[in-house]
Amino acid sequence: MALSPRLCLILALVTFLAGLNLSAQEGGGQPVADACPIAEGCQVASGHYRILLPPRPTAERPGAIMYFHGYQGSAAEAIADEGLVGVARRLGVALIAPDGTGRSWSFPGSPARHRDEFAFVGQVFDDAVTRFGLDPARILASGFSQGGSMVWYLACRMPSRFAAFAPIAGAFWEPLPERCEGERPPLIHVHGTSDATVPLAGRALRRGYRQGDLFRSLAILAPGGCATALGDAARANPALEQLTCQVASGCSGPARLELCLHGGGHVADAAWIERAWRLMVRDRAVPRAADTKLTSP
């Protein structure tokens, strides 16, 4: 029986759309209608995050920088930061920006008590890796100010989840952790010697909260005295004209522990994150199928 021209057109359209869907599944690509609304970003059980993916497919699963914004910041602001975006583009990695509830982070010692941040970060990590095909072995955790403190707690409580850690201008808060879990991870910390918002020695805040001392934080992360020389060098050179870095020696294990100081105040530079990636993460690649295509949601 001959089909009408209209029915033939409908069948051809259905076949074409089915072919598109099959091609997307076989190629590992994201559907156009991704489950990440523009207004809120990608949703997980405990909150939201935003992500910017590399613009071109590669032969490897891309790594990522997971960046934690400072107090009163947001994921939307982080993902729109030209410096951070530029670093992600140059490195060919994704930029993941978790959203702090109430524009804050609820780590131990923080005035915020909104949620279990460690569970939230694990949800973001797993969702981003699964949904966008990222390389779980090449994800760097970085953040600024209170977000930098969040990174310190991740390094202490979830050291094996991330490839490395690059906190800026934020350390543990009081009461400091008694010890950290697992093997010491690679970590590069950057801080300004003239920082009055988060001083190297920490400071008391209202209602009894207190930022922790950076050098005591280093001693907890790397017990045994191997980080002592980092503090001695910092105290001997309080007025630095440019970023000056020193790697700790004599620590147990091969993980890099480095303190970088500058003479400025409470500031961050995306170039510091790029440097940390190149030093600690760059060569930890895991191959993937070359035909996988990534697109920004």
Protein backbone atom coordinates (compact mmCIF):
# COMPACT_ATOMS: atom_id res chain seq x y z
CA MET A 1 0.00 0.00 0.00
CA ALA A 2 1.39 3.40 -1.00
CA LEU A 3 1.90 5.95 1.74
CA SER A 4 0.66 9.48 1.45
CA PRO A 5 3.27 12.24 1.01
CA ARG A 6 2.34 13.67 4.44
CA LEU A 7 2.83 10.32 6.19
CA CYS A 8 6.15 9.82 4.43
CA LEU A 9 7.29 13.24 5.71
CA ILE A 10 6.29 12.40 9.27
CA LEU A 11 8.12 9.05 9.20
CA ALA A 12 11.22 10.69 7.77
CA LEU A 13 11.18 13.31 10.53
CA VAL A 14 10.80 10.71 13.29
CA THR A 15 13.68 8.66 11.84
CA PHE A 16 15.88 11.77 11.64
CA LEU A 17 15.22 12.75 15.27
CA ALA A 18 15.84 9.19 16.48
CA GLY A 19 19.14 9.18 14.63
CA LEU A 20 20.18 12.41 16.31
CA ASN A 21 19.39 11.01 19.75
CA LEU A 22 21.30 7.79 19.04
CA SER A 23 24.32 9.73 17.80
CA ALA A 24 24.36 11.84 20.95
CA GLN A 25 24.26 8.71 23.13
CA GLU A 26 27.00 6.93 21.20
CA GLY A 27 29.24 9.99 21.18
CA GLY A 28 28.77 10.69 24.89
CA GLY A 29 27.53 14.20 24.14
CA GLN A 30 25.10 16.20 26.27
CA PRO A 31 21.52 16.67 25.06
CA VAL A 32 20.67 20.24 24.12
CA ALA A 33 18.05 20.37 26.87
CA ASP A 34 20.44 19.69 29.75
CA ALA A 35 19.11 19.40 33.30
CA CYS A 36 20.99 22.50 34.44
CA PRO A 37 18.65 25.52 34.35
CA ILE A 38 20.28 28.85 33.61
CA ALA A 39 18.81 30.50 36.70
CA GLU A 40 20.20 28.01 39.23
CA GLY A 41 22.78 25.79 37.58
CA CYS A 42 23.16 22.03 38.05
CA GLN A 43 21.23 20.63 41.00
CA VAL A 44 22.41 17.92 43.39
CA ALA A 45 20.80 16.70 46.60
CA SER A 46 22.29 19.41 48.84
CA GLY A 47 22.49 22.42 46.52
CA HIS A 48 23.62 23.74 43.17
CA TYR A 49 26.75 24.30 41.15
CA ARG A 50 27.68 25.90 37.85
CA ILE A 51 30.08 24.57 35.25
CA LEU A 52 31.89 25.80 32.16
CA LEU A 53 33.21 23.06 29.87
CA PRO A 54 36.11 23.11 27.38
CA PRO A 55 34.93 24.33 23.96
CA ARG A 56 36.60 21.60 21.89
CA PRO A 57 36.73 17.77 22.18
CA THR A 58 40.06 16.14 23.00
CA ALA A 59 41.48 12.62 23.13
CA GLU A 60 41.42 12.74 26.93
CA ARG A 61 38.72 13.28 29.47
CA PRO A 62 39.16 16.90 30.58
CA GLY A 63 40.21 17.72 34.09
CA ALA A 64 38.62 20.50 36.13
CA ILE A 65 39.19 23.29 38.60
CA MET A 66 36.58 23.28 41.35
CA TYR A 67 36.56 26.84 42.69
CA PHE A 68 34.97 27.90 45.99
CA HIS A 69 33.91 31.54 46.16
CA GLY A 70 34.60 33.81 49.11
CA TYR A 71 32.14 35.06 51.74
CA GLN A 72 29.18 36.85 50.13
CA GLY A 73 30.28 35.56 46.72
CA SER A 74 28.39 33.14 44.48
CA ALA A 75 28.88 30.45 41.88
CA ALA A 76 27.41 32.76 39.24
CA GLU A 77 30.09 35.36 39.96
CA ALA A 78 32.86 32.75 39.92
CA ILE A 79 31.82 31.26 36.59
CA ALA A 80 31.70 34.78 35.09
CA ASP A 81 35.16 35.78 36.36
CA GLU A 82 37.29 36.53 33.29
CA GLY A 83 40.50 35.51 35.01
CA LEU A 84 39.18 32.10 36.10
CA VAL A 85 37.55 31.48 32.73
CA GLY A 86 40.77 32.41 30.94
CA VAL A 87 42.78 29.95 33.02
CA ALA A 88 40.29 27.15 32.38
CA ARG A 89 40.38 27.86 28.64
CA ARG A 90 44.20 27.90 28.48
CA LEU A 91 44.45 24.64 30.42
CA GLY A 92 41.62 23.00 28.49
CA VAL A 93 39.77 22.08 31.68
CA ALA A 94 36.28 22.55 33.07
CA LEU A 95 35.55 25.25 35.64
CA ILE A 96 33.21 24.04 38.39
CA ALA A 97 31.77 26.57 40.85
CA PRO A 98 29.78 25.16 43.79
CA ASP A 99 27.27 27.56 45.33
CA GLY A 100 27.56 28.26 49.04
CA THR A 101 24.24 28.38 50.89
CA GLY A 102 23.62 31.91 52.15
CA ARG A 103 26.74 33.01 50.24
CA SER A 104 28.83 31.27 52.88
CA TRP A 105 30.39 27.89 53.70
CA SER A 106 29.48 25.67 56.66
CA PHE A 107 32.86 24.14 57.50
CA PRO A 108 33.88 23.48 61.14
CA GLY A 109 34.30 26.75 63.04
CA SER A 110 32.30 28.80 60.51
CA PRO A 111 29.34 30.89 61.72
CA ALA A 112 27.25 29.24 58.97
CA ARG A 113 25.41 26.00 59.83
CA HIS A 114 23.44 25.37 56.67
CA ARG A 115 24.45 21.86 55.54
CA ASP A 116 27.08 19.13 55.48
CA GLU A 117 29.54 20.70 53.04
CA PHE A 118 31.59 17.53 52.67
CA ALA A 119 28.54 15.60 51.52
CA PHE A 120 27.65 18.47 49.18
CA VAL A 121 31.11 18.60 47.61
CA GLY A 122 31.04 14.83 47.10
CA GLN A 123 27.70 15.17 45.33
CA VAL A 124 29.01 17.95 43.08
CA PHE A 125 32.16 15.96 42.29
CA ASP A 126 30.28 12.78 41.37
CA ASP A 127 27.59 14.60 39.39
CA ALA A 128 30.06 16.64 37.34
CA VAL A 129 32.24 13.61 36.56
CA THR A 130 29.27 11.45 35.54
CA ARG A 131 27.21 14.06 33.74
CA PHE A 132 30.01 15.74 31.77
CA GLY A 133 32.61 12.97 31.39
CA LEU A 134 35.35 14.65 33.42
CA ASP A 135 38.53 12.94 34.55
CA PRO A 136 38.15 12.31 38.32
CA ALA A 137 41.93 11.97 38.69
CA ARG A 138 42.56 15.54 37.49
CA ILE A 139 40.34 17.82 39.56
CA LEU A 140 41.99 20.64 41.51
CA ALA A 141 40.20 22.26 44.46
CA SER A 142 40.86 25.99 44.83
CA GLY A 143 39.14 28.91 46.50
CA PHE A 144 39.59 32.38 47.96
CA SER A 145 39.14 33.72 51.49
CA GLN A 146 36.36 31.72 53.19
CA GLY A 147 36.39 29.56 50.06
CA GLY A 148 40.12 29.07 50.64
CA SER A 149 39.32 27.83 54.14
CA MET A 150 36.80 25.43 52.61
CA VAL A 151 39.62 24.04 50.48
CA TRP A 152 41.77 23.52 53.57
CA TYR A 153 39.03 21.44 55.17
CA LEU A 154 38.64 19.39 52.00
CA ALA A 155 42.40 18.74 52.01
CA CYS A 156 42.10 17.60 55.63
CA ARG A 157 38.87 15.57 55.43
CA MET A 158 38.82 14.43 51.77
CA PRO A 159 42.52 14.36 50.78
CA SER A 160 42.26 11.56 48.23
CA ARG A 161 39.18 12.87 46.42
CA PHE A 162 41.00 15.67 44.61
CA ALA A 163 44.27 15.59 42.70
CA ALA A 164 45.58 18.64 44.57
CA PHE A 165 44.57 21.73 46.54
CA ALA A 166 45.31 25.42 45.94
CA PRO A 167 43.74 27.59 48.68
CA ILE A 168 44.21 31.37 48.63
CA ALA A 169 44.02 33.64 51.70
CA GLY A 170 42.16 31.26 53.98
CA ALA A 171 43.17 28.47 56.39
CA PHE A 172 41.57 26.44 59.21
CA TRP A 173 39.34 28.20 61.74
CA GLU A 174 39.32 27.75 65.51
CA PRO A 175 39.10 25.25 67.02
CA LEU A 176 41.71 23.83 64.67
CA PRO A 177 41.42 20.16 63.69
CA GLU A 178 43.39 17.82 65.90
CA ARG A 179 44.64 15.91 62.87
CA CYS A 180 43.88 15.29 59.21
CA GLU A 181 42.74 12.06 57.58
CA GLY A 182 44.67 9.89 55.16
CA GLU A 183 47.93 10.70 53.42
CA ARG A 184 48.96 14.33 53.10
CA PRO A 185 47.81 15.65 49.70
CA PRO A 186 49.61 18.06 47.33
CA LEU A 187 48.85 21.63 48.41
CA ILE A 188 50.07 25.10 47.44
CA HIS A 189 48.84 27.95 49.62
CA VAL A 190 49.05 31.64 48.60
CA HIS A 191 48.67 34.51 51.09
CA GLY A 192 49.45 38.22 51.38
CA THR A 193 51.68 39.33 54.23
CA SER A 194 49.64 42.56 54.50
CA ASP A 195 46.26 40.79 54.51
CA ALA A 196 44.11 42.46 57.18
CA THR A 197 40.90 40.58 56.34
CA VAL A 198 42.42 37.14 56.90
CA PRO A 199 45.80 37.79 58.53
CA LEU A 200 48.48 35.12 58.52
CA ALA A 201 47.98 34.73 62.27
CA GLY A 202 44.19 34.75 61.97
CA ARG A 203 41.93 37.10 63.93
CA ALA A 204 38.95 37.16 66.27
CA LEU A 205 35.52 37.84 64.79
CA ARG A 206 32.22 38.73 66.42
CA ARG A 207 30.28 36.21 68.51
CA GLY A 208 33.42 34.32 69.47
CA TYR A 209 34.40 33.02 66.04
CA ARG A 210 38.07 33.11 65.09
CA GLN A 211 40.06 32.57 61.92
CA GLY A 212 42.96 30.21 62.47
CA ASP A 213 46.70 30.75 62.25
CA LEU A 214 48.12 29.71 58.85
CA PHE A 215 51.34 28.31 60.28
CA ARG A 216 49.51 26.19 62.85
CA SER A 217 47.28 24.99 60.00
CA LEU A 218 50.36 23.94 58.04
CA ALA A 219 51.67 22.04 61.06
CA ILE A 220 48.40 20.10 61.35
CA LEU A 221 48.35 19.21 57.65
CA ALA A 222 52.03 18.20 57.74
CA PRO A 223 52.92 17.10 61.28
CA GLY A 224 56.49 16.37 62.31
CA GLY A 225 57.97 19.82 61.85
CA CYS A 226 58.59 19.74 58.09
CA ALA A 227 56.49 22.90 57.59
CA THR A 228 58.31 24.89 60.28
CA ALA A 229 60.80 26.35 57.80
CA LEU A 230 57.92 27.78 55.76
CA GLY A 231 56.78 29.85 58.73
CA ASP A 232 60.30 30.95 59.58
CA ALA A 233 60.87 32.18 56.04
CA ALA A 234 57.57 34.08 56.04
CA ARG A 235 58.34 35.89 59.27
CA ALA A 236 61.81 36.79 58.02
CA ASN A 237 60.44 38.41 54.83
CA PRO A 238 57.21 40.26 55.69
CA ALA A 239 57.43 42.89 52.91
CA LEU A 240 57.71 41.03 49.63
CA GLU A 241 57.50 42.84 46.30
CA GLN A 242 56.37 39.80 44.30
CA LEU A 243 55.10 36.27 44.81
CA THR A 244 57.77 34.26 46.59
CA CYS A 245 57.34 30.51 47.04
CA GLN A 246 59.07 27.93 49.18
CA VAL A 247 58.56 24.15 49.08
CA ALA A 248 58.64 22.26 52.38
CA SER A 249 61.39 19.65 52.65
CA GLY A 250 61.71 16.60 54.86
CA CYS A 251 57.98 15.84 54.91
CA SER A 252 56.75 12.27 54.85
CA GLY A 253 55.52 11.23 51.43
CA PRO A 254 56.13 12.78 48.01
CA ALA A 255 53.19 15.22 47.97
CA ARG A 256 54.19 18.82 47.30
CA LEU A 257 53.63 21.29 50.16
CA GLU A 258 54.37 24.87 49.20
CA LEU A 259 53.75 28.28 50.72
CA CYS A 260 53.67 31.30 48.40
CA LEU A 261 53.60 34.81 49.86
CA HIS A 262 53.26 38.29 48.41
CA GLY A 263 53.39 41.69 50.05
CA GLY A 264 49.80 42.60 49.16
CA GLY A 265 46.53 42.37 51.01
CA HIS A 266 43.39 40.26 50.67
CA VAL A 267 43.56 39.55 46.94
CA ALA A 268 43.52 36.61 44.54
CA ASP A 269 45.04 36.14 41.11
CA ALA A 270 43.81 33.41 38.76
CA ALA A 271 47.41 32.99 37.57
CA TRP A 272 48.22 31.43 40.95
CA ILE A 273 45.64 28.72 40.31
CA GLU A 274 47.04 28.10 36.85
CA ARG A 275 50.52 27.73 38.33
CA ALA A 276 49.21 25.23 40.90
CA TRP A 277 47.52 23.18 38.19
CA ARG A 278 50.67 23.02 36.06
CA LEU A 279 52.83 22.01 39.03
CA MET A 280 50.56 19.47 40.69
CA VAL A 281 47.93 18.15 38.26
CA ARG A 282 48.90 18.60 34.61
CA ASP A 283 50.42 15.18 33.92
CA ARG A 284 47.78 13.08 35.68
CA ALA A 285 45.80 12.32 32.50
CA VAL A 286 43.52 9.35 31.87
CA PRO A 287 42.77 8.60 28.16
CA ARG A 288 39.22 8.53 26.86
CA ALA A 289 37.52 7.82 23.56
CA ALA A 290 38.52 10.45 21.00
CA ASP A 291 34.99 10.84 19.62
CA THR A 292 33.46 12.27 22.81
CA LYS A 293 32.29 15.83 22.34
CA LEU A 294 31.77 18.31 25.18
CA THR A 295 29.54 21.36 25.01
CA SER A 296 28.75 24.06 27.54
CA PRO A 297 25.32 23.59 29.10
